[in-house]
Every structure is written in C-alpha cells, then in structure tokens.
Amino acid sequence: MGEVVNTLKVMPESPEVDLEALKAAITDAMPADAELHEITEEPIAFGLVALNVVFIVEDGEGGTGPTEDAIIALADVASAEITDSRRLM
C-alpha cells in the first residue's frame, strides 16, 4: 500500500470564528494515522475564509473517513469536504 495526500476544505460556521484557534483544534484532532502537512487559508466571500487542510494517510480501508469525522466534529466547523486526493509515489 502507498500513501495518499488529501486536501480537506473546512468551512467555519461564520466569519467571526478565530481561525488560529480553529487551526490549533484541527491540529490536535488529527488521528494518529494521519500526518498533517499544512493548513492554508482561502478567502471565500463576505469575510468568510475556508481552511484547506492537507494531510497524508495510508491507502487502505477507512481512508480519509476518521480524519474527516474528527474535524467535522469540532466546534465552529460548519462543513468539510475532500477537494483533492492523490497517491504519493
């Protein structure tokens, strides 16, 4: 099995959400089998900023599910979706 790099777009509940605190919460929530690579900010509209969370997991059963579930369960997260997934060579 190989490794897969994934990008998860995380939408905060509102523009008032403290993005630095949310980034810290995402970092703390990452499962042991996922390696956080980076978190970048993407302006959306009207002051709302999405976070693009790039992480690496083993290509196997479960895939990105545990990481998605952990991040969606955080306070101040409205939604999260995988926007990119690529196998590492």
PDB file of N, CA and C in Angstrom:
ATOM      1  N   MET A   1       0.838  -1.191   0.000  1.00  0.00           N
ATOM      2  CA  MET A   1       0.000   0.000   0.000  1.00  0.00           C
ATOM      3  C   MET A   1       0.877   1.247   0.000  1.00  0.00           C
ATOM      4  N   GLY A   2       0.358   2.287  -0.609  1.00  0.00           N
ATOM      5  CA  GLY A   2       1.076   3.546  -0.643  1.00  0.00           C
ATOM      6  C   GLY A   2       0.432   4.577   0.251  1.00  0.00           C
ATOM      7  N   GLU A   3       0.902   5.783   0.102  1.00  0.00           N
ATOM      8  CA  GLU A   3       0.336   6.889   0.866  1.00  0.00           C
ATOM      9  C   GLU A   3      -0.463   7.788  -0.065  1.00  0.00           C
ATOM     10  N   VAL A   4      -1.473   8.442   0.505  1.00  0.00           N
ATOM     11  CA  VAL A   4      -2.338   9.327  -0.263  1.00  0.00           C
ATOM     12  C   VAL A   4      -2.338  10.695   0.404  1.00  0.00           C
ATOM     13  N   VAL A   5      -2.118  11.744  -0.401  1.00  0.00           N
ATOM     14  CA  VAL A   5      -2.204  13.110   0.118  1.00  0.00           C
ATOM     15  C   VAL A   5      -3.591  13.640  -0.233  1.00  0.00           C
ATOM     16  N   ASN A   6      -4.254  14.218   0.758  1.00  0.00           N
ATOM     17  CA  ASN A   6      -5.630  14.682   0.615  1.00  0.00           C
ATOM     18  C   ASN A   6      -5.737  16.141   1.024  1.00  0.00           C
ATOM     19  N   THR A   7      -6.656  16.849   0.389  1.00  0.00           N
ATOM     20  CA  THR A   7      -6.980  18.215   0.792  1.00  0.00           C
ATOM     21  C   THR A   7      -8.427  18.232   1.249  1.00  0.00           C
ATOM     22  N   LEU A   8      -8.633  18.702   2.470  1.00  0.00           N
ATOM     23  CA  LEU A   8      -9.960  18.798   3.067  1.00  0.00           C
ATOM     24  C   LEU A   8     -10.287  20.279   3.234  1.00  0.00           C
ATOM     25  N   LYS A   9     -11.341  20.748   2.558  1.00  0.00           N
ATOM     26  CA  LYS A   9     -11.760  22.146   2.695  1.00  0.00           C
ATOM     27  C   LYS A   9     -12.706  22.240   3.887  1.00  0.00           C
ATOM     28  N   VAL A  10     -12.305  23.014   4.880  1.00  0.00           N
ATOM     29  CA  VAL A  10     -13.077  23.176   6.112  1.00  0.00           C
ATOM     30  C   VAL A  10     -13.712  24.561   6.108  1.00  0.00           C
ATOM     31  N   MET A  11     -15.040  24.590   6.210  1.00  0.00           N
ATOM     32  CA  MET A  11     -15.770  25.856   6.250  1.00  0.00           C
ATOM     33  C   MET A  11     -16.154  26.168   7.696  1.00  0.00           C
ATOM     34  N   PRO A  12     -15.682  27.303   8.221  1.00  0.00           N
ATOM     35  CA  PRO A  12     -16.087  27.711   9.571  1.00  0.00           C
ATOM     36  C   PRO A  12     -17.563  28.108   9.585  1.00  0.00           C
ATOM     37  N   GLU A  13     -18.157  28.110  10.773  1.00  0.00           N
ATOM     38  CA  GLU A  13     -19.574  28.455  10.895  1.00  0.00           C
ATOM     39  C   GLU A  13     -19.865  29.908  10.557  1.00  0.00           C
ATOM     40  N   SER A  14     -18.896  30.803  10.765  1.00  0.00           N
ATOM     41  CA  SER A  14     -19.119  32.220  10.476  1.00  0.00           C
ATOM     42  C   SER A  14     -17.782  32.927  10.283  1.00  0.00           C
ATOM     43  N   PRO A  15     -17.814  34.151   9.745  1.00  0.00           N
ATOM     44  CA  PRO A  15     -16.577  34.923   9.592  1.00  0.00           C
ATOM     45  C   PRO A  15     -15.951  35.319  10.933  1.00  0.00           C
ATOM     46  N   GLU A  16     -16.727  35.239  12.016  1.00  0.00           N
ATOM     47  CA  GLU A  16     -16.219  35.635  13.328  1.00  0.00           C
ATOM     48  C   GLU A  16     -15.387  34.551  14.008  1.00  0.00           C
ATOM     49  N   VAL A  17     -15.331  33.359  13.437  1.00  0.00           N
ATOM     50  CA  VAL A  17     -14.574  32.259  14.040  1.00  0.00           C
ATOM     51  C   VAL A  17     -13.087  32.620  14.058  1.00  0.00           C
ATOM     52  N   ASP A  18     -12.432  32.376  15.191  1.00  0.00           N
ATOM     53  CA  ASP A  18     -10.991  32.610  15.339  1.00  0.00           C
ATOM     54  C   ASP A  18     -10.253  31.512  14.561  1.00  0.00           C
ATOM     55  N   LEU A  19      -9.689  31.876  13.412  1.00  0.00           N
ATOM     56  CA  LEU A  19      -9.060  30.880  12.544  1.00  0.00           C
ATOM     57  C   LEU A  19      -7.821  30.256  13.170  1.00  0.00           C
ATOM     58  N   GLU A  20      -7.066  31.025  13.933  1.00  0.00           N
ATOM     59  CA  GLU A  20      -5.874  30.469  14.580  1.00  0.00           C
ATOM     60  C   GLU A  20      -6.269  29.412  15.603  1.00  0.00           C
ATOM     61  N   ALA A  21      -7.337  29.667  16.354  1.00  0.00           N
ATOM     62  CA  ALA A  21      -7.825  28.681  17.326  1.00  0.00           C
ATOM     63  C   ALA A  21      -8.367  27.452  16.604  1.00  0.00           C
ATOM     64  N   LEU A  22      -9.037  27.661  15.474  1.00  0.00           N
ATOM     65  CA  LEU A  22      -9.564  26.535  14.707  1.00  0.00           C
ATOM     66  C   LEU A  22      -8.422  25.704  14.124  1.00  0.00           C
ATOM     67  N   LYS A  23      -7.373  26.360  13.643  1.00  0.00           N
ATOM     68  CA  LYS A  23      -6.205  25.632  13.136  1.00  0.00           C
ATOM     69  C   LYS A  23      -5.589  24.773  14.239  1.00  0.00           C
ATOM     70  N   ALA A  24      -5.477  25.326  15.438  1.00  0.00           N
ATOM     71  CA  ALA A  24      -4.924  24.570  16.569  1.00  0.00           C
ATOM     72  C   ALA A  24      -5.814  23.382  16.910  1.00  0.00           C
ATOM     73  N   ALA A  25      -7.131  23.581  16.871  1.00  0.00           N
ATOM     74  CA  ALA A  25      -8.068  22.493  17.170  1.00  0.00           C
ATOM     75  C   ALA A  25      -7.973  21.393  16.117  1.00  0.00           C
ATOM     76  N   ILE A  26      -7.818  21.778  14.857  1.00  0.00           N
ATOM     77  CA  ILE A  26      -7.670  20.792  13.783  1.00  0.00           C
ATOM     78  C   ILE A  26      -6.386  19.995  13.980  1.00  0.00           C
ATOM     79  N   THR A  27      -5.308  20.686  14.298  1.00  0.00           N
ATOM     80  CA  THR A  27      -4.027  20.019  14.537  1.00  0.00           C
ATOM     81  C   THR A  27      -4.151  19.004  15.666  1.00  0.00           C
ATOM     82  N   ASP A  28      -4.812  19.386  16.746  1.00  0.00           N
ATOM     83  CA  ASP A  28      -4.985  18.495  17.898  1.00  0.00           C
ATOM     84  C   ASP A  28      -5.918  17.328  17.590  1.00  0.00           C
ATOM     85  N   ALA A  29      -6.867  17.522  16.673  1.00  0.00           N
ATOM     86  CA  ALA A  29      -7.872  16.497  16.374  1.00  0.00           C
ATOM     87  C   ALA A  29      -7.396  15.452  15.366  1.00  0.00           C
ATOM     88  N   MET A  30      -6.253  15.689  14.742  1.00  0.00           N
ATOM     89  CA  MET A  30      -5.785  14.750  13.716  1.00  0.00           C
ATOM     90  C   MET A  30      -5.559  13.365  14.319  1.00  0.00           C
ATOM     91  N   PRO A  31      -6.121  12.324  13.697  1.00  0.00           N
ATOM     92  CA  PRO A  31      -5.907  10.957  14.188  1.00  0.00           C
ATOM     93  C   PRO A  31      -4.432  10.559  14.088  1.00  0.00           C
ATOM     94  N   ALA A  32      -4.056   9.565  14.855  1.00  0.00           N
ATOM     95  CA  ALA A  32      -2.659   9.115  14.882  1.00  0.00           C
ATOM     96  C   ALA A  32      -2.182   8.605  13.523  1.00  0.00           C
ATOM     97  N   ASP A  33      -3.100   8.064  12.714  1.00  0.00           N
ATOM     98  CA  ASP A  33      -2.697   7.510  11.420  1.00  0.00           C
ATOM     99  C   ASP A  33      -2.677   8.542  10.293  1.00  0.00           C
ATOM    100  N   ALA A  34      -2.918   9.805  10.615  1.00  0.00           N
ATOM    101  CA  ALA A  34      -2.894  10.874   9.612  1.00  0.00           C
ATOM    102  C   ALA A  34      -1.764  11.843   9.935  1.00  0.00           C
ATOM    103  N   GLU A  35      -1.019  12.223   8.921  1.00  0.00           N
ATOM    104  CA  GLU A  35       0.086  13.167   9.088  1.00  0.00           C
ATOM    105  C   GLU A  35      -0.330  14.516   8.493  1.00  0.00           C
ATOM    106  N   LEU A  36      -0.422  15.525   9.345  1.00  0.00           N
ATOM    107  CA  LEU A  36      -0.781  16.864   8.881  1.00  0.00           C
ATOM    108  C   LEU A  36       0.386  17.456   8.109  1.00  0.00           C
ATOM    109  N   HIS A  37       0.116  17.928   6.900  1.00  0.00           N
ATOM    110  CA  HIS A  37       1.166  18.538   6.084  1.00  0.00           C
ATOM    111  C   HIS A  37       1.111  20.062   6.184  1.00  0.00           C
ATOM    112  N   GLU A  38      -0.064  20.655   5.955  1.00  0.00           N
ATOM    113  CA  GLU A  38      -0.200  22.108   6.061  1.00  0.00           C
ATOM    114  C   GLU A  38      -1.666  22.502   6.143  1.00  0.00           C
ATOM    115  N   ILE A  39      -1.885  23.719   6.650  1.00  0.00           N
ATOM    116  CA  ILE A  39      -3.218  24.321   6.667  1.00  0.00           C
ATOM    117  C   ILE A  39      -3.075  25.706   6.049  1.00  0.00           C
ATOM    118  N   THR A  40      -3.816  25.953   4.958  1.00  0.00           N
ATOM    119  CA  THR A  40      -3.773  27.260   4.308  1.00  0.00           C
ATOM    120  C   THR A  40      -5.157  27.893   4.340  1.00  0.00           C
ATOM    121  N   GLU A  41      -5.177  29.210   4.225  1.00  0.00           N
ATOM    122  CA  GLU A  41      -6.437  29.955   4.234  1.00  0.00           C
ATOM    123  C   GLU A  41      -6.850  30.288   2.804  1.00  0.00           C
ATOM    124  N   GLU A  42      -8.157  30.185   2.536  1.00  0.00           N
ATOM    125  CA  GLU A  42      -8.712  30.514   1.224  1.00  0.00           C
ATOM    126  C   GLU A  42      -9.905  31.447   1.409  1.00  0.00           C
ATOM    127  N   PRO A  43      -9.749  32.730   1.052  1.00  0.00           N
ATOM    128  CA  PRO A  43     -10.884  33.653   1.168  1.00  0.00           C
ATOM    129  C   PRO A  43     -12.035  33.189   0.272  1.00  0.00           C
ATOM    130  N   ILE A  44     -13.263  33.216   0.819  1.00  0.00           N
ATOM    131  CA  ILE A  44     -14.436  32.780   0.064  1.00  0.00           C
ATOM    132  C   ILE A  44     -15.252  34.006  -0.357  1.00  0.00           C
ATOM    133  N   ALA A  45     -15.941  34.643   0.583  1.00  0.00           N
ATOM    134  CA  ALA A  45     -16.737  35.841   0.295  1.00  0.00           C
ATOM    135  C   ALA A  45     -17.236  36.429   1.600  1.00  0.00           C
ATOM    136  N   PHE A  46     -17.462  37.734   1.595  1.00  0.00           N
ATOM    137  CA  PHE A  46     -18.057  38.432   2.736  1.00  0.00           C
ATOM    138  C   PHE A  46     -17.302  38.179   4.036  1.00  0.00           C
ATOM    139  N   GLY A  47     -15.985  38.066   3.947  1.00  0.00           N
ATOM    140  CA  GLY A  47     -15.166  37.873   5.137  1.00  0.00           C
ATOM    141  C   GLY A  47     -15.007  36.429   5.569  1.00  0.00           C
ATOM    142  N   LEU A  48     -15.707  35.506   4.923  1.00  0.00           N
ATOM    143  CA  LEU A  48     -15.587  34.092   5.279  1.00  0.00           C
ATOM    144  C   LEU A  48     -14.320  33.519   4.652  1.00  0.00           C
ATOM    145  N   VAL A  49     -13.561  32.787   5.451  1.00  0.00           N
ATOM    146  CA  VAL A  49     -12.312  32.187   4.994  1.00  0.00           C
ATOM    147  C   VAL A  49     -12.355  30.689   5.277  1.00  0.00           C
ATOM    148  N   ALA A  50     -12.139  29.890   4.237  1.00  0.00           N
ATOM    149  CA  ALA A  50     -12.077  28.432   4.400  1.00  0.00           C
ATOM    150  C   ALA A  50     -10.646  28.043   4.738  1.00  0.00           C
ATOM    151  N   LEU A  51     -10.499  26.904   5.391  1.00  0.00           N
ATOM    152  CA  LEU A  51      -9.179  26.348   5.668  1.00  0.00           C
ATOM    153  C   LEU A  51      -8.992  25.106   4.807  1.00  0.00           C
ATOM    154  N   ASN A  52      -7.894  25.059   4.074  1.00  0.00           N
ATOM    155  CA  ASN A  52      -7.552  23.875   3.293  1.00  0.00           C
ATOM    156  C   ASN A  52      -6.531  23.078   4.093  1.00  0.00           C
ATOM    157  N   VAL A  53      -6.957  21.918   4.559  1.00  0.00           N
ATOM    158  CA  VAL A  53      -6.130  21.063   5.407  1.00  0.00           C
ATOM    159  C   VAL A  53      -5.552  19.956   4.532  1.00  0.00           C
ATOM    160  N   VAL A  54      -4.233  19.942   4.393  1.00  0.00           N
ATOM    161  CA  VAL A  54      -3.562  18.930   3.584  1.00  0.00           C
ATOM    162  C   VAL A  54      -2.949  17.907   4.540  1.00  0.00           C
ATOM    163  N   PHE A  55      -3.325  16.643   4.342  1.00  0.00           N
ATOM    164  CA  PHE A  55      -2.823  15.590   5.222  1.00  0.00           C
ATOM    165  C   PHE A  55      -2.556  14.319   4.425  1.00  0.00           C
ATOM    166  N   ILE A  56      -1.745  13.451   5.012  1.00  0.00           N
ATOM    167  CA  ILE A  56      -1.332  12.216   4.356  1.00  0.00           C
ATOM    168  C   ILE A  56      -1.809  11.030   5.190  1.00  0.00           C
ATOM    169  N   VAL A  57      -2.406  10.046   4.519  1.00  0.00           N
ATOM    170  CA  VAL A  57      -2.829   8.803   5.171  1.00  0.00           C
ATOM    171  C   VAL A  57      -2.389   7.622   4.310  1.00  0.00           C
ATOM    172  N   GLU A  58      -2.352   6.445   4.926  1.00  0.00           N
ATOM    173  CA  GLU A  58      -2.075   5.222   4.181  1.00  0.00           C
ATOM    174  C   GLU A  58      -3.262   4.916   3.271  1.00  0.00           C
ATOM    175  N   ASP A  59      -2.962   4.387   2.097  1.00  0.00           N
ATOM    176  CA  ASP A  59      -4.006   3.984   1.162  1.00  0.00           C
ATOM    177  C   ASP A  59      -4.547   2.638   1.621  1.00  0.00           C
ATOM    178  N   GLY A  60      -5.674   2.669   2.308  1.00  0.00           N
ATOM    179  CA  GLY A  60      -6.232   1.428   2.822  1.00  0.00           C
ATOM    180  C   GLY A  60      -7.655   1.623   3.281  1.00  0.00           C
ATOM    181  N   GLU A  61      -8.163   0.631   3.976  1.00  0.00           N
ATOM    182  CA  GLU A  61      -9.534   0.666   4.455  1.00  0.00           C
ATOM    183  C   GLU A  61      -9.749   1.842   5.402  1.00  0.00           C
ATOM    184  N   GLY A  62     -10.855   2.521   5.227  1.00  0.00           N
ATOM    185  CA  GLY A  62     -11.158   3.680   6.072  1.00  0.00           C
ATOM    186  C   GLY A  62     -10.736   4.974   5.418  1.00  0.00           C
ATOM    187  N   GLY A  63      -9.602   4.958   4.746  1.00  0.00           N
ATOM    188  CA  GLY A  63      -9.122   6.130   4.023  1.00  0.00           C
ATOM    189  C   GLY A  63      -9.143   7.409   4.828  1.00  0.00           C
ATOM    190  N   THR A  64      -9.860   8.397   4.314  1.00  0.00           N
ATOM    191  CA  THR A  64      -9.907   9.716   4.943  1.00  0.00           C
ATOM    192  C   THR A  64     -11.011   9.835   5.988  1.00  0.00           C
ATOM    193  N   GLY A  65     -11.854   8.824   6.103  1.00  0.00           N
ATOM    194  CA  GLY A  65     -13.015   8.875   6.993  1.00  0.00           C
ATOM    195  C   GLY A  65     -12.729   9.308   8.419  1.00  0.00           C
ATOM    196  N   PRO A  66     -11.785   8.678   9.119  1.00  0.00           N
ATOM    197  CA  PRO A  66     -11.524   9.073  10.503  1.00  0.00           C
ATOM    198  C   PRO A  66     -11.077  10.533  10.641  1.00  0.00           C
ATOM    199  N   THR A  67     -10.280  11.005   9.686  1.00  0.00           N
ATOM    200  CA  THR A  67      -9.819  12.393   9.740  1.00  0.00           C
ATOM    201  C   THR A  67     -10.978  13.344   9.477  1.00  0.00           C
ATOM    202  N   GLU A  68     -11.788  13.059   8.470  1.00  0.00           N
ATOM    203  CA  GLU A  68     -12.962  13.891   8.185  1.00  0.00           C
ATOM    204  C   GLU A  68     -13.891  13.946   9.388  1.00  0.00           C
ATOM    205  N   ASP A  69     -14.175  12.785   9.978  1.00  0.00           N
ATOM    206  CA  ASP A  69     -15.083  12.722  11.130  1.00  0.00           C
ATOM    207  C   ASP A  69     -14.562  13.531  12.311  1.00  0.00           C
ATOM    208  N   ALA A  70     -13.250  13.444  12.566  1.00  0.00           N
ATOM    209  CA  ALA A  70     -12.656  14.165  13.694  1.00  0.00           C
ATOM    210  C   ALA A  70     -12.760  15.673  13.502  1.00  0.00           C
ATOM    211  N   ILE A  71     -12.562  16.142  12.280  1.00  0.00           N
ATOM    212  CA  ILE A  71     -12.588  17.583  12.015  1.00  0.00           C
ATOM    213  C   ILE A  71     -14.019  18.108  11.963  1.00  0.00           C
ATOM    214  N   ILE A  72     -14.933  17.367  11.367  1.00  0.00           N
ATOM    215  CA  ILE A  72     -16.331  17.797  11.299  1.00  0.00           C
ATOM    216  C   ILE A  72     -16.933  17.907  12.695  1.00  0.00           C
ATOM    217  N   ALA A  73     -16.456  17.093  13.622  1.00  0.00           N
ATOM    218  CA  ALA A  73     -16.986  17.094  14.991  1.00  0.00           C
ATOM    219  C   ALA A  73     -16.542  18.306  15.810  1.00  0.00           C
ATOM    220  N   LEU A  74     -15.585  19.084  15.309  1.00  0.00           N
ATOM    221  CA  LEU A  74     -15.083  20.239  16.056  1.00  0.00           C
ATOM    222  C   LEU A  74     -16.118  21.362  16.122  1.00  0.00           C
ATOM    223  N   ALA A  75     -16.079  22.092  17.226  1.00  0.00           N
ATOM    224  CA  ALA A  75     -16.918  23.292  17.347  1.00  0.00           C
ATOM    225  C   ALA A  75     -16.458  24.298  16.295  1.00  0.00           C
ATOM    226  N   ASP A  76     -17.343  25.105  15.813  1.00  0.00           N
ATOM    227  CA  ASP A  76     -17.073  26.162  14.828  1.00  0.00           C
ATOM    228  C   ASP A  76     -16.846  25.652  13.405  1.00  0.00           C
ATOM    229  N   VAL A  77     -17.017  24.348  13.156  1.00  0.00           N
ATOM    230  CA  VAL A  77     -16.890  23.816  11.797  1.00  0.00           C
ATOM    231  C   VAL A  77     -18.291  23.585  11.243  1.00  0.00           C
ATOM    232  N   ALA A  78     -18.611  24.282  10.135  1.00  0.00           N
ATOM    233  CA  ALA A  78     -19.921  24.124   9.500  1.00  0.00           C
ATOM    234  C   ALA A  78     -19.932  22.911   8.576  1.00  0.00           C
ATOM    235  N   SER A  79     -18.844  22.724   7.817  1.00  0.00           N
ATOM    236  CA  SER A  79     -18.764  21.594   6.898  1.00  0.00           C
ATOM    237  C   SER A  79     -17.312  21.333   6.528  1.00  0.00           C
ATOM    238  N   ALA A  80     -17.096  20.162   5.965  1.00  0.00           N
ATOM    239  CA  ALA A  80     -15.763  19.798   5.481  1.00  0.00           C
ATOM    240  C   ALA A  80     -15.940  18.799   4.346  1.00  0.00           C
ATOM    241  N   GLU A  81     -15.152  18.974   3.291  1.00  0.00           N
ATOM    242  CA  GLU A  81     -15.231  18.048   2.165  1.00  0.00           C
ATOM    243  C   GLU A  81     -13.857  17.864   1.540  1.00  0.00           C
ATOM    244  N   ILE A  82     -13.606  16.657   1.073  1.00  0.00           N
ATOM    245  CA  ILE A  82     -12.361  16.365   0.371  1.00  0.00           C
ATOM    246  C   ILE A  82     -12.442  17.007  -1.013  1.00  0.00           C
ATOM    247  N   THR A  83     -11.465  17.861  -1.320  1.00  0.00           N
ATOM    248  CA  THR A  83     -11.447  18.527  -2.623  1.00  0.00           C
ATOM    249  C   THR A  83     -10.352  17.984  -3.535  1.00  0.00           C
ATOM    250  N   ASP A  84      -9.412  17.218  -2.965  1.00  0.00           N
ATOM    251  CA  ASP A  84      -8.333  16.657  -3.776  1.00  0.00           C
ATOM    252  C   ASP A  84      -7.772  15.434  -3.061  1.00  0.00           C
ATOM    253  N   SER A  85      -7.416  14.427  -3.837  1.00  0.00           N
ATOM    254  CA  SER A  85      -6.825  13.213  -3.283  1.00  0.00           C
ATOM    255  C   SER A  85      -5.884  12.634  -4.328  1.00  0.00           C
ATOM    256  N   ARG A  86      -4.612  12.438  -3.941  1.00  0.00           N
ATOM    257  CA  ARG A  86      -3.609  11.944  -4.893  1.00  0.00           C
ATOM    258  C   ARG A  86      -2.686  10.945  -4.217  1.00  0.00           C
ATOM    259  N   ARG A  87      -2.330   9.940  -4.944  1.00  0.00           N
ATOM    260  CA  ARG A  87      -1.394   8.938  -4.434  1.00  0.00           C
ATOM    261  C   ARG A  87       0.028   9.480  -4.531  1.00  0.00           C
ATOM    262  N   LEU A  88       0.791   9.291  -3.459  1.00  0.00           N
ATOM    263  CA  LEU A  88       2.195   9.691  -3.460  1.00  0.00           C
ATOM    264  C   LEU A  88       3.031   8.585  -4.073  1.00  0.00           C
ATOM    265  N   MET A  89       4.018   8.975  -4.829  1.00  0.00           N
ATOM    266  CA  MET A  89       4.905   7.982  -5.448  1.00  0.00           C
ATOM    267  C   MET A  89       6.212   7.940  -4.716  1.00  0.00           C
TER     268      MET A  89
END
